[in-house]
C-alpha atoms as a PDB file:
ATOM      1  CA  MET A   1      19.916   6.163  -7.610  1.00  0.00           C
ATOM      2  CA  ALA A   2      22.459   6.058  -4.748  1.00  0.00           C
ATOM      3  CA  VAL A   3      21.815   2.371  -4.156  1.00  0.00           C
ATOM      4  CA  ARG A   4      21.817  -0.444  -6.702  1.00  0.00           C
ATOM      5  CA  ALA A   5      18.222  -1.457  -7.432  1.00  0.00           C
ATOM      6  CA  THR A   6      16.192  -3.802  -9.616  1.00  0.00           C
ATOM      7  CA  ILE A   7      13.715  -2.003 -11.861  1.00  0.00           C
ATOM      8  CA  ASN A   8      10.687  -3.822 -13.287  1.00  0.00           C
ATOM      9  CA  VAL A   9       8.446  -2.062 -15.805  1.00  0.00           C
ATOM     10  CA  PHE A  10       4.944  -3.300 -16.585  1.00  0.00           C
ATOM     11  CA  LYS A  11       2.560  -2.419 -19.444  1.00  0.00           C
ATOM     12  CA  ASP A  12      -0.151  -0.772 -17.446  1.00  0.00           C
ATOM     13  CA  PRO A  13      -1.461  -0.244 -13.896  1.00  0.00           C
ATOM     14  CA  ASP A  14      -3.472  -3.493 -13.905  1.00  0.00           C
ATOM     15  CA  ALA A  15      -0.404  -5.556 -14.783  1.00  0.00           C
ATOM     16  CA  LEU A  16       1.685  -3.614 -12.240  1.00  0.00           C
ATOM     17  CA  ALA A  17      -0.911  -4.282  -9.465  1.00  0.00           C
ATOM     18  CA  LEU A  18      -1.154  -7.964 -10.330  1.00  0.00           C
ATOM     19  CA  GLU A  19       2.607  -8.638 -10.356  1.00  0.00           C
ATOM     20  CA  THR A  20       3.043  -6.574  -7.229  1.00  0.00           C
ATOM     21  CA  ALA A  21       0.451  -8.773  -5.434  1.00  0.00           C
ATOM     22  CA  ARG A  22       2.246 -11.980  -6.695  1.00  0.00           C
ATOM     23  CA  LYS A  23       5.608 -10.556  -5.575  1.00  0.00           C
ATOM     24  CA  LEU A  24       4.207  -9.826  -2.094  1.00  0.00           C
ATOM     25  CA  CYS A  25       2.950 -13.395  -1.908  1.00  0.00           C
ATOM     26  CA  ASP A  26       6.359 -14.712  -2.753  1.00  0.00           C
ATOM     27  CA  ILE A  27       8.186 -12.520  -0.283  1.00  0.00           C
ATOM     28  CA  MET A  28       5.723 -13.493   2.492  1.00  0.00           C
ATOM     29  CA  ASN A  29       6.202 -17.157   1.862  1.00  0.00           C
ATOM     30  CA  GLN A  30       9.952 -16.832   1.655  1.00  0.00           C
ATOM     31  CA  ALA A  31      10.034 -15.027   4.982  1.00  0.00           C
ATOM     32  CA  VAL A  32       7.825 -17.625   6.659  1.00  0.00           C
ATOM     33  CA  ALA A  33       9.950 -20.487   5.275  1.00  0.00           C
ATOM     34  CA  ALA A  34      13.163 -18.823   6.566  1.00  0.00           C
ATOM     35  CA  ARG A  35      12.021 -17.412   9.914  1.00  0.00           C
ATOM     36  CA  GLY A  36       8.585 -18.779  10.644  1.00  0.00           C
ATOM     37  CA  VAL A  37       6.909 -15.369  10.451  1.00  0.00           C
ATOM     38  CA  CYS A  38       6.705 -12.393   8.064  1.00  0.00           C
ATOM     39  CA  SER A  39       6.623  -8.702   8.972  1.00  0.00           C
ATOM     40  CA  LEU A  40       5.307  -6.417   6.262  1.00  0.00           C
ATOM     41  CA  ALA A  41       4.923  -2.618   6.389  1.00  0.00           C
ATOM     42  CA  LEU A  42       2.255  -1.412   4.030  1.00  0.00           C
ATOM     43  CA  ALA A  43       1.864   1.832   2.219  1.00  0.00           C
ATOM     44  CA  GLY A  44      -1.333   3.878   2.047  1.00  0.00           C
ATOM     45  CA  GLY A  45      -2.675   6.145  -0.648  1.00  0.00           C
ATOM     46  CA  GLU A  46      -4.295   5.282  -4.002  1.00  0.00           C
ATOM     47  CA  THR A  47      -1.463   3.501  -5.924  1.00  0.00           C
ATOM     48  CA  PRO A  48      -1.455   0.191  -3.909  1.00  0.00           C
ATOM     49  CA  ARG A  49      -5.245  -0.032  -3.593  1.00  0.00           C
ATOM     50  CA  LEU A  50      -5.645  -2.499  -6.509  1.00  0.00           C
ATOM     51  CA  ALA A  51      -2.551  -4.433  -5.556  1.00  0.00           C
ATOM     52  CA  TYR A  52      -4.061  -5.087  -2.125  1.00  0.00           C
ATOM     53  CA  ARG A  53      -7.266  -6.282  -3.591  1.00  0.00           C
ATOM     54  CA  LEU A  54      -5.435  -8.629  -5.853  1.00  0.00           C
ATOM     55  CA  LEU A  55      -3.181  -9.760  -2.975  1.00  0.00           C
ATOM     56  CA  ALA A  56      -6.310 -10.986  -1.217  1.00  0.00           C
ATOM     57  CA  ARG A  57      -7.119 -13.113  -4.290  1.00  0.00           C
ATOM     58  CA  GLU A  58      -3.581 -14.269  -5.073  1.00  0.00           C
ATOM     59  CA  GLY A  59      -2.846 -15.116  -1.460  1.00  0.00           C
ATOM     60  CA  SER A  60      -5.880 -17.345  -1.084  1.00  0.00           C
ATOM     61  CA  GLY A  61      -4.531 -20.811  -0.491  1.00  0.00           C
ATOM     62  CA  ARG A  62      -0.946 -19.614  -1.006  1.00  0.00           C
ATOM     63  CA  VAL A  63      -0.301 -17.606   2.146  1.00  0.00           C
ATOM     64  CA  ASP A  64      -0.597 -18.729   5.720  1.00  0.00           C
ATOM     65  CA  TRP A  65      -2.083 -15.467   7.099  1.00  0.00           C
ATOM     66  CA  ASN A  66      -1.632 -16.764  10.707  1.00  0.00           C
ATOM     67  CA  LYS A  67       2.120 -16.113  10.230  1.00  0.00           C
ATOM     68  CA  ILE A  68       1.830 -12.693   8.655  1.00  0.00           C
ATOM     69  CA  HIS A  69       2.145  -9.544  10.660  1.00  0.00           C
ATOM     70  CA  LEU A  70       0.991  -6.366   8.920  1.00  0.00           C
ATOM     71  CA  PHE A  71       2.198  -2.880   9.924  1.00  0.00           C
ATOM     72  CA  PHE A  72       1.866   0.590   8.330  1.00  0.00           C
ATOM     73  CA  ILE A  73       4.586   2.899   7.047  1.00  0.00           C
ATOM     74  CA  ASP A  74       2.573   6.002   7.924  1.00  0.00           C
ATOM     75  CA  GLU A  75      -0.886   7.293   8.878  1.00  0.00           C
ATOM     76  CA  ARG A  76      -2.987  10.397   8.749  1.00  0.00           C
ATOM     77  CA  MET A  77      -4.656  11.725  11.888  1.00  0.00           C
ATOM     78  CA  ALA A  78      -8.026  10.245  11.199  1.00  0.00           C
ATOM     79  CA  PRO A  79     -10.141   7.428  12.613  1.00  0.00           C
ATOM     80  CA  PRO A  80     -10.444   4.182  10.672  1.00  0.00           C
ATOM     81  CA  ASP A  81     -13.827   4.984   9.168  1.00  0.00           C
ATOM     82  CA  ASN A  82     -12.573   8.287   7.694  1.00  0.00           C
ATOM     83  CA  PRO A  83     -11.763   8.129   3.943  1.00  0.00           C
ATOM     84  CA  GLN A  84      -8.261   9.645   4.729  1.00  0.00           C
ATOM     85  CA  SER A  85      -7.277   6.714   6.890  1.00  0.00           C
ATOM     86  CA  ASN A  86      -4.565   4.507   5.374  1.00  0.00           C
ATOM     87  CA  PHE A  87      -5.613   1.662   7.724  1.00  0.00           C
ATOM     88  CA  GLY A  88      -9.249   2.094   6.656  1.00  0.00           C
ATOM     89  CA  MET A  89      -8.258   1.709   2.986  1.00  0.00           C
ATOM     90  CA  VAL A  90      -6.141  -1.434   3.668  1.00  0.00           C
ATOM     91  CA  ARG A  91      -8.965  -2.929   5.758  1.00  0.00           C
ATOM     92  CA  ARG A  92     -11.502  -2.503   2.947  1.00  0.00           C
ATOM     93  CA  GLU A  93      -9.217  -3.736   0.152  1.00  0.00           C
ATOM     94  CA  LEU A  94      -7.293  -6.488   1.919  1.00  0.00           C
ATOM     95  CA  LEU A  95      -7.837  -7.174   5.619  1.00  0.00           C
ATOM     96  CA  SER A  96     -11.517  -7.766   5.351  1.00  0.00           C
ATOM     97  CA  LEU A  97     -10.862 -10.340   2.641  1.00  0.00           C
ATOM     98  CA  VAL A  98      -8.150 -12.539   4.229  1.00  0.00           C
ATOM     99  CA  PRO A  99      -8.129 -14.638   7.420  1.00  0.00           C
ATOM    100  CA  VAL A 100      -5.348 -12.644   9.126  1.00  0.00           C
ATOM    101  CA  PRO A 101      -5.706 -12.681  12.921  1.00  0.00           C
ATOM    102  CA  GLU A 102      -6.743  -9.354  14.467  1.00  0.00           C
ATOM    103  CA  SER A 103      -3.658  -9.647  16.751  1.00  0.00           C
ATOM    104  CA  ASN A 104      -1.400  -9.689  13.671  1.00  0.00           C
ATOM    105  CA  ILE A 105      -2.661  -6.302  12.510  1.00  0.00           C
ATOM    106  CA  HIS A 106      -0.628  -3.419  13.927  1.00  0.00           C
ATOM    107  CA  ARG A 107      -2.219  -0.111  13.123  1.00  0.00           C
ATOM    108  CA  VAL A 108      -1.503   3.493  14.051  1.00  0.00           C
ATOM    109  CA  ARG A 109      -4.372   4.887  16.028  1.00  0.00           C
ATOM    110  CA  GLY A 110      -4.917   7.949  13.917  1.00  0.00           C
ATOM    111  CA  GLU A 111      -7.859   9.037  16.096  1.00  0.00           C
ATOM    112  CA  LEU A 112      -5.420   9.934  18.911  1.00  0.00           C
ATOM    113  CA  ALA A 113      -3.340  13.010  19.382  1.00  0.00           C
ATOM    114  CA  PRO A 114      -0.188  12.881  17.223  1.00  0.00           C
ATOM    115  CA  ASP A 115       2.419  12.447  19.981  1.00  0.00           C
ATOM    116  CA  ARG A 116       0.348   9.761  21.734  1.00  0.00           C
ATOM    117  CA  ALA A 117      -0.323   7.862  18.511  1.00  0.00           C
ATOM    118  CA  ALA A 118       3.365   7.877  17.640  1.00  0.00           C
ATOM    119  CA  GLU A 119       4.443   6.733  21.037  1.00  0.00           C
ATOM    120  CA  GLU A 120       1.902   3.870  21.154  1.00  0.00           C
ATOM    121  CA  TYR A 121       3.041   2.712  17.689  1.00  0.00           C
ATOM    122  CA  ARG A 122       6.669   2.915  18.703  1.00  0.00           C
ATOM    123  CA  ILE A 123       6.018   0.743  21.719  1.00  0.00           C
ATOM    124  CA  ASP A 124       4.155  -1.753  19.501  1.00  0.00           C
ATOM    125  CA  LEU A 125       7.058  -1.928  17.032  1.00  0.00           C
ATOM    126  CA  GLU A 126       9.745  -2.241  19.644  1.00  0.00           C
ATOM    127  CA  THR A 127       7.795  -4.923  21.562  1.00  0.00           C
ATOM    128  CA  PHE A 128       7.197  -7.046  18.414  1.00  0.00           C
ATOM    129  CA  PHE A 129      10.794  -6.762  17.113  1.00  0.00           C
ATOM    130  CA  ALA A 130      12.385  -6.711  20.594  1.00  0.00           C
ATOM    131  CA  HIS A 131      14.761  -3.992  19.262  1.00  0.00           C
ATOM    132  CA  PRO A 132      14.567  -0.183  19.061  1.00  0.00           C
ATOM    133  CA  VAL A 133      15.170  -0.390  15.233  1.00  0.00           C
ATOM    134  CA  PRO A 134      12.727  -2.839  13.680  1.00  0.00           C
ATOM    135  CA  ARG A 135      13.879  -5.133  10.900  1.00  0.00           C
ATOM    136  CA  PHE A 136      10.966  -5.679   8.554  1.00  0.00           C
ATOM    137  CA  ASP A 137      10.995  -8.463   6.006  1.00  0.00           C
ATOM    138  CA  LEU A 138       9.531  -6.019   3.519  1.00  0.00           C
ATOM    139  CA  ILE A 139       8.673  -2.286   3.461  1.00  0.00           C
ATOM    140  CA  LEU A 140       6.355  -1.226   0.623  1.00  0.00           C
ATOM    141  CA  LEU A 141       6.840   2.393  -0.344  1.00  0.00           C
ATOM    142  CA  GLY A 142       5.106   4.800  -2.714  1.00  0.00           C
ATOM    143  CA  LEU A 143       6.789   7.893  -4.271  1.00  0.00           C
ATOM    144  CA  GLY A 144       5.322  11.328  -4.073  1.00  0.00           C
ATOM    145  CA  GLU A 145       5.655  13.921  -6.832  1.00  0.00           C
ATOM    146  CA  ASP A 146       7.962  15.812  -4.510  1.00  0.00           C
ATOM    147  CA  GLY A 147      10.108  12.717  -3.777  1.00  0.00           C
ATOM    148  CA  HIS A 148       8.575  11.971  -0.394  1.00  0.00           C
ATOM    149  CA  ILE A 149       8.288   8.444   0.987  1.00  0.00           C
ATOM    150  CA  ALA A 150       5.969   7.400   3.786  1.00  0.00           C
ATOM    151  CA  SER A 151       5.353  10.767   5.469  1.00  0.00           C
ATOM    152  CA  LEU A 152       8.962  11.861   5.146  1.00  0.00           C
ATOM    153  CA  PHE A 153       8.540  15.049   3.210  1.00  0.00           C
ATOM    154  CA  PRO A 154      11.294  17.398   2.018  1.00  0.00           C
ATOM    155  CA  GLY A 155      12.118  20.017   4.582  1.00  0.00           C
ATOM    156  CA  THR A 156      10.559  18.282   7.528  1.00  0.00           C
ATOM    157  CA  ALA A 157      12.454  17.449  10.758  1.00  0.00           C
ATOM    158  CA  ALA A 158      11.450  13.780  10.539  1.00  0.00           C
ATOM    159  CA  LEU A 159      14.182  13.314   7.875  1.00  0.00           C
ATOM    160  CA  ASP A 160      16.849  14.020  10.548  1.00  0.00           C
ATOM    161  CA  GLU A 161      15.537  11.480  13.047  1.00  0.00           C
ATOM    162  CA  GLU A 162      18.296   8.983  13.876  1.00  0.00           C
ATOM    163  CA  VAL A 163      17.029   7.367  17.150  1.00  0.00           C
ATOM    164  CA  ARG A 164      13.224   6.949  17.174  1.00  0.00           C
ATOM    165  CA  CYS A 165      11.650   4.400  14.869  1.00  0.00           C
ATOM    166  CA  VAL A 166       8.326   6.343  14.700  1.00  0.00           C
ATOM    167  CA  VAL A 167       7.674  10.063  14.912  1.00  0.00           C
ATOM    168  CA  ALA A 168       4.728  12.497  14.610  1.00  0.00           C
ATOM    169  CA  VAL A 169       5.500  15.070  11.886  1.00  0.00           C
ATOM    170  CA  PHE A 170       3.685  18.222  10.900  1.00  0.00           C
ATOM    171  CA  VAL A 171       3.489  18.516   7.093  1.00  0.00           C
ATOM    172  CA  PRO A 172       3.205  22.226   6.049  1.00  0.00           C
ATOM    173  CA  LYS A 173       2.132  21.168   2.579  1.00  0.00           C
ATOM    174  CA  PHE A 174      -1.131  19.708   3.953  1.00  0.00           C
ATOM    175  CA  LYS A 175      -1.263  21.766   7.173  1.00  0.00           C
ATOM    176  CA  SER A 176      -1.738  18.533   9.110  1.00  0.00           C
ATOM    177  CA  TRP A 177       0.052  16.044  11.346  1.00  0.00           C
ATOM    178  CA  ARG A 178       1.038  12.542  10.348  1.00  0.00           C
ATOM    179  CA  ILE A 179       2.706   9.488  11.940  1.00  0.00           C
ATOM    180  CA  THR A 180       5.596   7.895  10.065  1.00  0.00           C
ATOM    181  CA  ILE A 181       8.275   5.401  10.380  1.00  0.00           C
ATOM    182  CA  THR A 182      11.750   6.900  10.044  1.00  0.00           C
ATOM    183  CA  LEU A 183      14.718   6.353   7.708  1.00  0.00           C
ATOM    184  CA  PRO A 184      16.661   4.146  10.151  1.00  0.00           C
ATOM    185  CA  VAL A 185      13.761   1.700   9.967  1.00  0.00           C
ATOM    186  CA  ILE A 186      13.454   1.826   6.238  1.00  0.00           C
ATOM    187  CA  ASN A 187      17.202   1.341   5.773  1.00  0.00           C
ATOM    188  CA  ASN A 188      17.212  -1.614   8.220  1.00  0.00           C
ATOM    189  CA  SER A 189      14.615  -3.612   6.162  1.00  0.00           C
ATOM    190  CA  ARG A 190      15.458  -6.836   4.462  1.00  0.00           C
ATOM    191  CA  ALA A 191      13.735  -5.591   1.327  1.00  0.00           C
ATOM    192  CA  VAL A 192      12.293  -2.305   0.118  1.00  0.00           C
ATOM    193  CA  LEU A 193       9.731  -2.405  -2.693  1.00  0.00           C
ATOM    194  CA  PHE A 194       8.742   0.879  -4.369  1.00  0.00           C
ATOM    195  CA  LEU A 195       5.360   0.859  -6.193  1.00  0.00           C
ATOM    196  CA  VAL A 196       4.969   3.749  -8.644  1.00  0.00           C
ATOM    197  CA  SER A 197       2.313   4.397 -11.259  1.00  0.00           C
ATOM    198  CA  GLY A 198       1.306   7.206 -13.588  1.00  0.00           C
ATOM    199  CA  ALA A 199       2.843   9.886 -15.825  1.00  0.00           C
ATOM    200  CA  ARG A 200       2.827  12.448 -12.991  1.00  0.00           C
ATOM    201  CA  LYS A 201       5.523  10.449 -11.240  1.00  0.00           C
ATOM    202  CA  ALA A 202       7.784  10.170 -14.298  1.00  0.00           C
ATOM    203  CA  SER A 203       9.804  13.319 -13.650  1.00  0.00           C
ATOM    204  CA  ILE A 204      10.559  12.696  -9.924  1.00  0.00           C
ATOM    205  CA  LEU A 205      11.276   8.966 -10.691  1.00  0.00           C
ATOM    206  CA  LYS A 206      13.907  10.056 -13.265  1.00  0.00           C
ATOM    207  CA  GLN A 207      15.523  12.292 -10.696  1.00  0.00           C
ATOM    208  CA  VAL A 208      15.560   9.592  -8.040  1.00  0.00           C
ATOM    209  CA  LEU A 209      17.108   6.997 -10.301  1.00  0.00           C
ATOM    210  CA  ALA A 210      19.607   9.482 -11.726  1.00  0.00           C
ATOM    211  CA  ALA A 211      20.931  10.588  -8.343  1.00  0.00           C
ATOM    212  CA  ASP A 212      24.474   9.391  -7.701  1.00  0.00           C
ATOM    213  CA  ARG A 213      24.237  10.107  -3.970  1.00  0.00           C
ATOM    214  CA  PRO A 214      21.497  10.633  -1.311  1.00  0.00           C
ATOM    215  CA  VAL A 215      20.120  14.194  -1.270  1.00  0.00           C
ATOM    216  CA  LYS A 216      17.803  15.433   1.421  1.00  0.00           C
ATOM    217  CA  HIS A 217      15.575  17.501  -0.757  1.00  0.00           C
ATOM    218  CA  ILE A 218      14.535  14.229  -2.538  1.00  0.00           C
ATOM    219  CA  PRO A 219      13.802  11.898   0.416  1.00  0.00           C
ATOM    220  CA  ALA A 220      13.520   8.781  -1.808  1.00  0.00           C
ATOM    221  CA  THR A 221      17.242   9.005  -2.511  1.00  0.00           C
ATOM    222  CA  LEU A 222      17.839   8.489   1.163  1.00  0.00           C
ATOM    223  CA  VAL A 223      16.650   4.872   0.956  1.00  0.00           C
ATOM    224  CA  VAL A 224      19.919   3.072   1.137  1.00  0.00           C
ATOM    225  CA  PRO A 225      19.551  -0.218   3.034  1.00  0.00           C
ATOM    226  CA  ALA A 226      22.648  -1.261   4.810  1.00  0.00           C
ATOM    227  CA  ASP A 227      21.840  -4.972   4.346  1.00  0.00           C
ATOM    228  CA  GLY A 228      18.775  -5.233   2.180  1.00  0.00           C
ATOM    229  CA  THR A 229      17.502  -4.984  -1.389  1.00  0.00           C
ATOM    230  CA  VAL A 230      15.675  -2.247  -3.299  1.00  0.00           C
ATOM    231  CA  GLU A 231      13.286  -3.076  -6.059  1.00  0.00           C
ATOM    232  CA  TRP A 232      11.085  -0.908  -8.201  1.00  0.00           C
ATOM    233  CA  MET A 233       7.690  -1.838  -9.591  1.00  0.00           C
ATOM    234  CA  LEU A 234       6.637   0.655 -12.340  1.00  0.00           C
ATOM    235  CA  ASP A 235       4.109   0.983 -15.096  1.00  0.00           C
ATOM    236  CA  GLU A 236       5.099   2.342 -18.464  1.00  0.00           C
ATOM    237  CA  ASP A 237       3.738   5.839 -17.733  1.00  0.00           C
ATOM    238  CA  ALA A 238       5.817   6.209 -14.616  1.00  0.00           C
ATOM    239  CA  ALA A 239       8.918   4.773 -16.378  1.00  0.00           C
ATOM    240  CA  SER A 240       8.520   6.882 -19.541  1.00  0.00           C
ATOM    241  CA  LEU A 241      11.469   9.178 -18.867  1.00  0.00           C
ATOM    242  CA  ILE A 242      14.076   6.729 -17.361  1.00  0.00           C
ATOM    243  CA  GLY A 243      15.448   5.285 -20.562  1.00  0.00           C
ATOM    244  CA  ASP A 244      15.916   1.670 -21.577  1.00  0.00           C
ATOM    245  CA  GLN A 245      19.370   1.430 -20.026  1.00  0.00           C
ATOM    246  CA  ASN A 246      17.822   1.848 -16.556  1.00  0.00           C
ATOM    247  CA  ARG A 247      15.285  -0.980 -17.017  1.00  0.00           C
ATOM    248  CA  ALA A 248      16.558  -4.246 -15.649  1.00  0.00           C
ATOM    249  CA  VAL A 249      13.387  -6.021 -16.606  1.00  0.00           C
ATOM    250  CA  SER A 250      10.460  -4.943 -18.852  1.00  0.00           C
ATOM    251  CA  HIS A 251       7.263  -6.841 -18.803  1.00  0.00           C
ATOM    252  CA  GLU A 252       4.239  -7.116 -20.996  1.00  0.00           C
ATOM    253  CA  ASN A 253       0.885  -7.883 -19.523  1.00  0.00           C
ATOM    254  CA  PRO A 254       1.166 -11.404 -17.981  1.00  0.00           C
ATOM    255  CA  GLN A 255       0.609 -13.981 -20.739  1.00  0.00           C
ATOM    256  CA  GLY A 256      -3.030 -14.875 -21.010  1.00  0.00           C
ATOM    257  CA  LYS A 257      -3.820 -13.799 -17.517  1.00  0.00           C
ATOM    258  CA  ASP A 258      -6.508 -11.384 -16.526  1.00  0.00           C
ATOM    259  CA  SER A 259      -5.080  -8.685 -14.303  1.00  0.00           C
ATOM    260  CA  ARG A 260      -8.416  -7.643 -12.903  1.00  0.00           C
END
């Protein structure tokens, strides 16, 4: 990969989810200790679902949710009760289970028209961070089989955005609009954490980690924080093609601990 990264490989999806939840707890607590507040941008989709459920459990008594502000890296154009809504998934798996204040939850209103939803979210971000380019404590990213991150897909105009922190983007692959944060925001984060699971991601993961420079047709290679860290959380299936030399840390299932 074009930026130096830490790679953690776990035995199975359950262990991956558990250790991701624990890492999120640690990062949130570190941010609160350092700055009094933590800003976390969450990924949608299926891969982080179990991690969020476990985060609710692991964070009980460990995390001061009053000091945690939760944002979203992207959103589909759907209301919260629609199964396609990233916010809806996170609400079911995490937000409904932890005492985070409603005012600390910053969602994209996917029920609005794309341009309006993007503009409202941009204003929310710029107001909270008091800067046109937000600096998150952590951005959690998934990895698409085509190399996309958030809703930054290969061949879309959103990859070229250099000014706005949030844009509406039409994704021809799905014939639909989405709202996404942009690369300047991702690369301004204090930490980027990739969460990748499953054999279907093995080929693209190998390409991302093997890239010696950013290439636009694989958007994940464009994640090159100027002053931040990149860490990968993988299960064995996802990591099956990367070779032992690329594994900074390999983990078995946590000793004697139930990952469910």
